[in-house]
């Protein structure tokens, strides 16, 4: 009959639909699986290729190049850990030059101080020995000893510490600070590395400023 034929047709259509759906799902699953396999297969292939390349290249790399590469990697690791910075190397490289500059500046400073003390003591001893008060002074304090001291200063046969002490005394004379000058003179006598007769003439010349020259200047 027509009805039974229609039912059979609809049943076949339904079965075909289910079958197509199953085939479609199966195909999708197959494609997905194939895709995953392909992706993982490609990764494996890449890894193998890399290993093969390394194996092929490694004999060609010289020992020196390998050592340099290892050193570079080590340095990068240390830099990443904050143990090495670029500036550290630069500072270390230029340190000796910096020390040389400082030393040269220090020597120039001592040289200039020695020259100024030489001029100052030369003028002072001329006034001192021309003054009547120089009569009857200690035999160690004479013009010959004074000249010897000036020659020592001129030839720089004098320690830098003594130059510094003498420059301090001269500065206090220029400031006309008698009290501080007295204290500095005592310090000079204790710390001076000069021969005793040279220390004595220096003490005598600066003492002359304290007793005879500065008081007169201050009164004016």
C-alpha atoms as a PDB file:
ATOM      1  CA  UNK A   1       0.000   0.000   0.000  1.00  0.00           C
ATOM      2  CA  UNK A   2       0.964   3.631  -0.326  1.00  0.00           C
ATOM      3  CA  UNK A   3       1.269   4.177   3.450  1.00  0.00           C
ATOM      4  CA  UNK A   4       3.548   1.188   4.012  1.00  0.00           C
ATOM      5  CA  UNK A   5       5.733   2.259   1.056  1.00  0.00           C
ATOM      6  CA  UNK A   6       6.021   5.793   2.490  1.00  0.00           C
ATOM      7  CA  UNK A   7       6.968   4.472   5.953  1.00  0.00           C
ATOM      8  CA  UNK A   8       9.642   2.252   4.430  1.00  0.00           C
ATOM      9  CA  UNK A   9      11.000   5.212   2.426  1.00  0.00           C
ATOM     10  CA  UNK A  10      11.120   7.438   5.532  1.00  0.00           C
ATOM     11  CA  UNK A  11      12.851   4.642   7.468  1.00  0.00           C
ATOM     12  CA  UNK A  12      15.495   4.268   4.773  1.00  0.00           C
ATOM     13  CA  UNK A  13      16.003   8.053   4.648  1.00  0.00           C
ATOM     14  CA  UNK A  14      16.389   8.182   8.421  1.00  0.00           C
ATOM     15  CA  UNK A  15      18.876   5.316   8.362  1.00  0.00           C
ATOM     16  CA  UNK A  16      20.846   6.997   5.562  1.00  0.00           C
ATOM     17  CA  UNK A  17      20.868  10.254   7.596  1.00  0.00           C
ATOM     18  CA  UNK A  18      22.173   8.438  10.679  1.00  0.00           C
ATOM     19  CA  UNK A  19      24.741   6.599   8.553  1.00  0.00           C
ATOM     20  CA  UNK A  20      25.924   9.864   6.933  1.00  0.00           C
ATOM     21  CA  UNK A  21      26.145  11.506  10.355  1.00  0.00           C
ATOM     22  CA  UNK A  22      28.206   8.604  11.665  1.00  0.00           C
ATOM     23  CA  UNK A  23      30.477   8.753   8.601  1.00  0.00           C
ATOM     24  CA  UNK A  24      30.858  12.509   8.999  1.00  0.00           C
ATOM     25  CA  UNK A  25      31.752  12.195  12.707  1.00  0.00           C
ATOM     26  CA  UNK A  26      34.118   9.354  11.903  1.00  0.00           C
ATOM     27  CA  UNK A  27      35.741  11.443   9.175  1.00  0.00           C
ATOM     28  CA  UNK A  28      36.106  14.449  11.501  1.00  0.00           C
ATOM     29  CA  UNK A  29      37.627  12.285  14.203  1.00  0.00           C
ATOM     30  CA  UNK A  30      39.917  10.735  11.631  1.00  0.00           C
ATOM     31  CA  UNK A  31      40.929  14.201  10.379  1.00  0.00           C
ATOM     32  CA  UNK A  32      41.504  15.489  13.911  1.00  0.00           C
ATOM     33  CA  UNK A  33      43.552  12.469  14.808  1.00  0.00           C
ATOM     34  CA  UNK A  34      45.494  12.738  11.584  1.00  0.00           C
ATOM     35  CA  UNK A  35      46.073  16.462  12.308  1.00  0.00           C
ATOM     36  CA  UNK A  36      47.369  15.736  15.795  1.00  0.00           C
ATOM     37  CA  UNK A  37      49.561  12.974  14.494  1.00  0.00           C
ATOM     38  CA  UNK A  38      50.858  15.255  11.753  1.00  0.00           C
ATOM     39  CA  UNK A  39      51.620  18.067  14.256  1.00  0.00           C
ATOM     40  CA  UNK A  40      53.401  15.778  16.689  1.00  0.00           C
ATOM     41  CA  UNK A  41      55.115  14.084  13.775  1.00  0.00           C
ATOM     42  CA  UNK A  42      56.362  17.451  12.533  1.00  0.00           C
ATOM     43  CA  UNK A  43      57.684  18.316  16.006  1.00  0.00           C
ATOM     44  CA  UNK A  44      59.497  15.003  16.174  1.00  0.00           C
ATOM     45  CA  UNK A  45      60.895  15.582  12.706  1.00  0.00           C
ATOM     46  CA  UNK A  46      62.121  19.087  13.671  1.00  0.00           C
ATOM     47  CA  UNK A  47      63.782  17.758  16.820  1.00  0.00           C
ATOM     48  CA  UNK A  48      65.449  14.970  14.829  1.00  0.00           C
ATOM     49  CA  UNK A  49      66.548  17.456  12.159  1.00  0.00           C
ATOM     50  CA  UNK A  50      68.073  19.721  14.807  1.00  0.00           C
ATOM     51  CA  UNK A  51      69.898  16.826  16.416  1.00  0.00           C
ATOM     52  CA  UNK A  52      71.188  15.708  13.029  1.00  0.00           C
ATOM     53  CA  UNK A  53      72.316  19.261  12.215  1.00  0.00           C
ATOM     54  CA  UNK A  54      74.126  19.490  15.545  1.00  0.00           C
ATOM     55  CA  UNK A  55      75.776  16.133  14.909  1.00  0.00           C
ATOM     56  CA  UNK A  56      76.789  17.191  11.412  1.00  0.00           C
ATOM     57  CA  UNK A  57      78.047  20.654  12.540  1.00  0.00           C
ATOM     58  CA  UNK A  58      79.721  19.702  15.821  1.00  0.00           C
ATOM     59  CA  UNK A  59      82.863  18.133  14.331  1.00  0.00           C
ATOM     60  CA  UNK A  60      83.363  21.276  12.232  1.00  0.00           C
ATOM     61  CA  UNK A  61      83.377  23.582  15.326  1.00  0.00           C
ATOM     62  CA  UNK A  62      86.922  24.136  16.522  1.00  0.00           C
ATOM     63  CA  UNK A  63      87.895  23.685  20.184  1.00  0.00           C
ATOM     64  CA  UNK A  64      88.662  27.388  20.438  1.00  0.00           C
ATOM     65  CA  UNK A  65      85.197  28.339  19.132  1.00  0.00           C
ATOM     66  CA  UNK A  66      83.535  25.892  21.547  1.00  0.00           C
ATOM     67  CA  UNK A  67      85.466  27.435  24.447  1.00  0.00           C
ATOM     68  CA  UNK A  68      84.467  30.943  23.384  1.00  0.00           C
ATOM     69  CA  UNK A  69      80.807  29.941  23.080  1.00  0.00           C
ATOM     70  CA  UNK A  70      80.901  28.316  26.523  1.00  0.00           C
ATOM     71  CA  UNK A  71      82.553  31.414  28.005  1.00  0.00           C
ATOM     72  CA  UNK A  72      79.931  33.657  26.367  1.00  0.00           C
ATOM     73  CA  UNK A  73      77.048  31.557  27.753  1.00  0.00           C
ATOM     74  CA  UNK A  74      78.624  31.623  31.214  1.00  0.00           C
ATOM     75  CA  UNK A  75      78.993  35.418  31.075  1.00  0.00           C
ATOM     76  CA  UNK A  76      75.361  35.820  29.957  1.00  0.00           C
ATOM     77  CA  UNK A  77      74.196  33.666  32.872  1.00  0.00           C
ATOM     78  CA  UNK A  78      76.247  35.738  35.320  1.00  0.00           C
ATOM     79  CA  UNK A  79      74.945  38.987  33.811  1.00  0.00           C
ATOM     80  CA  UNK A  80      71.376  37.702  34.111  1.00  0.00           C
ATOM     81  CA  UNK A  81      72.041  36.886  37.772  1.00  0.00           C
ATOM     82  CA  UNK A  82      73.317  40.445  38.316  1.00  0.00           C
ATOM     83  CA  UNK A  83      76.842  39.276  39.108  1.00  0.00           C
ATOM     84  CA  UNK A  84      78.464  40.990  36.137  1.00  0.00           C
ATOM     85  CA  UNK A  85      77.731  44.427  34.700  1.00  0.00           C
ATOM     86  CA  UNK A  86      79.277  46.131  31.712  1.00  0.00           C
ATOM     87  CA  UNK A  87      80.407  49.145  33.762  1.00  0.00           C
ATOM     88  CA  UNK A  88      82.435  46.980  36.160  1.00  0.00           C
ATOM     89  CA  UNK A  89      84.826  46.057  33.387  1.00  0.00           C
ATOM     90  CA  UNK A  90      85.133  49.656  32.240  1.00  0.00           C
ATOM     91  CA  UNK A  91      85.847  50.940  35.760  1.00  0.00           C
ATOM     92  CA  UNK A  92      88.503  48.303  36.292  1.00  0.00           C
ATOM     93  CA  UNK A  93      90.128  49.040  32.946  1.00  0.00           C
ATOM     94  CA  UNK A  94      90.479  52.772  33.597  1.00  0.00           C
ATOM     95  CA  UNK A  95      91.366  52.538  37.299  1.00  0.00           C
ATOM     96  CA  UNK A  96      95.167  52.713  36.848  1.00  0.00           C
ATOM     97  CA  UNK A  97      94.809  55.813  34.675  1.00  0.00           C
ATOM     98  CA  UNK A  98      92.633  57.431  37.369  1.00  0.00           C
ATOM     99  CA  UNK A  99      95.252  56.626  40.031  1.00  0.00           C
ATOM    100  CA  UNK A 100      97.999  58.098  37.845  1.00  0.00           C
ATOM    101  CA  UNK A 101      95.998  61.304  37.366  1.00  0.00           C
ATOM    102  CA  UNK A 102      95.431  61.627  41.133  1.00  0.00           C
ATOM    103  CA  UNK A 103      99.103  60.981  41.854  1.00  0.00           C
ATOM    104  CA  UNK A 104     100.181  63.562  39.260  1.00  0.00           C
ATOM    105  CA  UNK A 105      97.750  66.126  40.749  1.00  0.00           C
ATOM    106  CA  UNK A 106      99.132  65.406  44.250  1.00  0.00           C
ATOM    107  CA  UNK A 107     102.746  65.888  43.108  1.00  0.00           C
ATOM    108  CA  UNK A 108     101.843  69.135  41.345  1.00  0.00           C
ATOM    109  CA  UNK A 109     100.142  70.398  44.513  1.00  0.00           C
ATOM    110  CA  UNK A 110     103.211  69.587  46.684  1.00  0.00           C
ATOM    111  CA  UNK A 111     105.468  71.230  44.082  1.00  0.00           C
ATOM    112  CA  UNK A 112     103.448  74.456  44.108  1.00  0.00           C
ATOM    113  CA  UNK A 113     103.353  74.504  47.932  1.00  0.00           C
ATOM    114  CA  UNK A 114     107.151  73.989  48.121  1.00  0.00           C
ATOM    115  CA  UNK A 115     107.697  76.950  45.749  1.00  0.00           C
ATOM    116  CA  UNK A 116     105.450  79.264  47.794  1.00  0.00           C
ATOM    117  CA  UNK A 117     107.172  78.217  51.095  1.00  0.00           C
ATOM    118  CA  UNK A 118     110.597  78.786  49.503  1.00  0.00           C
ATOM    119  CA  UNK A 119     109.690  82.382  48.562  1.00  0.00           C
ATOM    120  CA  UNK A 120     108.118  83.005  51.973  1.00  0.00           C
ATOM    121  CA  UNK A 121     111.050  81.666  54.046  1.00  0.00           C
ATOM    122  CA  UNK A 122     113.583  83.427  51.821  1.00  0.00           C
ATOM    123  CA  UNK A 123     111.928  86.793  52.522  1.00  0.00           C
ATOM    124  CA  UNK A 124     111.508  86.011  56.235  1.00  0.00           C
ATOM    125  CA  UNK A 125     115.151  85.006  56.820  1.00  0.00           C
ATOM    126  CA  UNK A 126     116.363  88.185  55.045  1.00  0.00           C
ATOM    127  CA  UNK A 127     114.292  90.328  57.444  1.00  0.00           C
ATOM    128  CA  UNK A 128     115.303  88.162  60.424  1.00  0.00           C
ATOM    129  CA  UNK A 129     119.072  88.391  59.849  1.00  0.00           C
ATOM    130  CA  UNK A 130     118.877  92.081  58.938  1.00  0.00           C
ATOM    131  CA  UNK A 131     117.110  92.816  62.228  1.00  0.00           C
ATOM    132  CA  UNK A 132     119.179  93.683  65.278  1.00  0.00           C
ATOM    133  CA  UNK A 133     117.310  91.058  67.273  1.00  0.00           C
ATOM    134  CA  UNK A 134     119.167  88.341  65.405  1.00  0.00           C
ATOM    135  CA  UNK A 135     122.322  89.220  67.411  1.00  0.00           C
ATOM    136  CA  UNK A 136     123.292  86.723  70.043  1.00  0.00           C
ATOM    137  CA  UNK A 137     121.059  83.957  68.671  1.00  0.00           C
ATOM    138  CA  UNK A 138     121.881  80.258  68.914  1.00  0.00           C
ATOM    139  CA  UNK A 139     124.867  79.270  66.747  1.00  0.00           C
ATOM    140  CA  UNK A 140     122.667  76.615  65.003  1.00  0.00           C
ATOM    141  CA  UNK A 141     120.372  79.425  63.818  1.00  0.00           C
ATOM    142  CA  UNK A 142     122.600  81.169  61.302  1.00  0.00           C
ATOM    143  CA  UNK A 143     122.371  82.309  57.703  1.00  0.00           C
ATOM    144  CA  UNK A 144     124.360  79.297  56.435  1.00  0.00           C
ATOM    145  CA  UNK A 145     121.817  76.878  57.950  1.00  0.00           C
ATOM    146  CA  UNK A 146     118.972  78.979  56.569  1.00  0.00           C
ATOM    147  CA  UNK A 147     120.524  78.875  53.080  1.00  0.00           C
ATOM    148  CA  UNK A 148     120.941  75.112  53.356  1.00  0.00           C
ATOM    149  CA  UNK A 149     117.236  74.754  54.262  1.00  0.00           C
ATOM    150  CA  UNK A 150     116.240  76.880  51.260  1.00  0.00           C
ATOM    151  CA  UNK A 151     118.382  74.727  48.953  1.00  0.00           C
ATOM    152  CA  UNK A 152     116.666  71.604  50.335  1.00  0.00           C
ATOM    153  CA  UNK A 153     113.304  73.148  49.494  1.00  0.00           C
ATOM    154  CA  UNK A 154     114.477  74.202  46.027  1.00  0.00           C
ATOM    155  CA  UNK A 155     115.813  70.722  45.144  1.00  0.00           C
ATOM    156  CA  UNK A 156     112.747  69.068  46.792  1.00  0.00           C
ATOM    157  CA  UNK A 157     115.009  67.125  49.188  1.00  0.00           C
ATOM    158  CA  UNK A 158     112.226  67.354  51.751  1.00  0.00           C
ATOM    159  CA  UNK A 159     109.304  65.066  52.629  1.00  0.00           C
ATOM    160  CA  UNK A 160     105.815  65.884  51.376  1.00  0.00           C
ATOM    161  CA  UNK A 161     104.530  65.751  54.993  1.00  0.00           C
ATOM    162  CA  UNK A 162     106.987  68.520  55.969  1.00  0.00           C
ATOM    163  CA  UNK A 163     105.903  70.588  52.948  1.00  0.00           C
ATOM    164  CA  UNK A 164     102.268  70.234  54.118  1.00  0.00           C
ATOM    165  CA  UNK A 165     103.170  71.301  57.691  1.00  0.00           C
ATOM    166  CA  UNK A 166     105.198  74.295  56.472  1.00  0.00           C
ATOM    167  CA  UNK A 167     102.387  75.370  54.140  1.00  0.00           C
ATOM    168  CA  UNK A 168      99.954  75.250  57.076  1.00  0.00           C
ATOM    169  CA  UNK A 169     102.279  77.515  59.116  1.00  0.00           C
ATOM    170  CA  UNK A 170     102.591  79.959  56.218  1.00  0.00           C
ATOM    171  CA  UNK A 171      98.781  80.034  55.750  1.00  0.00           C
ATOM    172  CA  UNK A 172      98.268  80.876  59.450  1.00  0.00           C
ATOM    173  CA  UNK A 173     100.825  83.710  59.183  1.00  0.00           C
ATOM    174  CA  UNK A 174      98.867  85.155  56.231  1.00  0.00           C
ATOM    175  CA  UNK A 175      95.647  84.824  58.264  1.00  0.00           C
ATOM    176  CA  UNK A 176      97.472  86.592  61.144  1.00  0.00           C
ATOM    177  CA  UNK A 177      96.098  83.942  63.528  1.00  0.00           C
ATOM    178  CA  UNK A 178      98.768  83.997  66.258  1.00  0.00           C
ATOM    179  CA  UNK A 179      97.110  81.468  68.604  1.00  0.00           C
ATOM    180  CA  UNK A 180      96.598  78.810  65.941  1.00  0.00           C
ATOM    181  CA  UNK A 181     100.089  79.514  64.596  1.00  0.00           C
ATOM    182  CA  UNK A 182     101.566  78.747  68.044  1.00  0.00           C
ATOM    183  CA  UNK A 183      99.725  75.417  68.144  1.00  0.00           C
ATOM    184  CA  UNK A 184     100.757  74.520  64.576  1.00  0.00           C
ATOM    185  CA  UNK A 185     104.389  75.393  65.356  1.00  0.00           C
ATOM    186  CA  UNK A 186     104.376  72.986  68.327  1.00  0.00           C
ATOM    187  CA  UNK A 187     102.866  70.322  66.060  1.00  0.00           C
ATOM    188  CA  UNK A 188     105.592  70.979  63.460  1.00  0.00           C
ATOM    189  CA  UNK A 189     108.360  70.508  66.064  1.00  0.00           C
ATOM    190  CA  UNK A 190     106.839  67.155  67.118  1.00  0.00           C
ATOM    191  CA  UNK A 191     106.148  65.795  63.622  1.00  0.00           C
ATOM    192  CA  UNK A 192     108.921  67.259  61.447  1.00  0.00           C
ATOM    193  CA  UNK A 193     111.146  64.796  59.577  1.00  0.00           C
ATOM    194  CA  UNK A 194     113.813  67.445  58.872  1.00  0.00           C
ATOM    195  CA  UNK A 195     117.302  67.423  60.396  1.00  0.00           C
ATOM    196  CA  UNK A 196     117.223  69.066  63.899  1.00  0.00           C
ATOM    197  CA  UNK A 197     119.092  72.233  62.763  1.00  0.00           C
ATOM    198  CA  UNK A 198     116.587  72.747  59.908  1.00  0.00           C
ATOM    199  CA  UNK A 199     113.639  72.259  62.283  1.00  0.00           C
ATOM    200  CA  UNK A 200     115.255  74.786  64.618  1.00  0.00           C
ATOM    201  CA  UNK A 201     115.687  77.496  61.943  1.00  0.00           C
ATOM    202  CA  UNK A 202     112.060  77.036  60.755  1.00  0.00           C
ATOM    203  CA  UNK A 203     110.802  77.306  64.363  1.00  0.00           C
ATOM    204  CA  UNK A 204     112.918  80.394  64.917  1.00  0.00           C
ATOM    205  CA  UNK A 205     111.688  82.134  61.717  1.00  0.00           C
ATOM    206  CA  UNK A 206     107.994  81.472  62.442  1.00  0.00           C
ATOM    207  CA  UNK A 207     108.445  82.409  66.092  1.00  0.00           C
ATOM    208  CA  UNK A 208     109.850  85.719  64.834  1.00  0.00           C
ATOM    209  CA  UNK A 209     106.522  86.305  63.052  1.00  0.00           C
ATOM    210  CA  UNK A 210     104.628  85.574  66.306  1.00  0.00           C
ATOM    211  CA  UNK A 211     106.732  87.849  68.550  1.00  0.00           C
ATOM    212  CA  UNK A 212     107.864  90.688  66.291  1.00  0.00           C
ATOM    213  CA  UNK A 213     106.028  91.012  63.002  1.00  0.00           C
ATOM    214  CA  UNK A 214     102.353  90.093  63.551  1.00  0.00           C
ATOM    215  CA  UNK A 215     101.860  92.039  66.823  1.00  0.00           C
ATOM    216  CA  UNK A 216     103.092  95.191  65.043  1.00  0.00           C
ATOM    217  CA  UNK A 217     100.764  94.500  62.089  1.00  0.00           C
ATOM    218  CA  UNK A 218      97.829  93.951  64.457  1.00  0.00           C
ATOM    219  CA  UNK A 219      98.541  97.219  66.317  1.00  0.00           C
ATOM    220  CA  UNK A 220      98.389  99.122  63.044  1.00  0.00           C
END
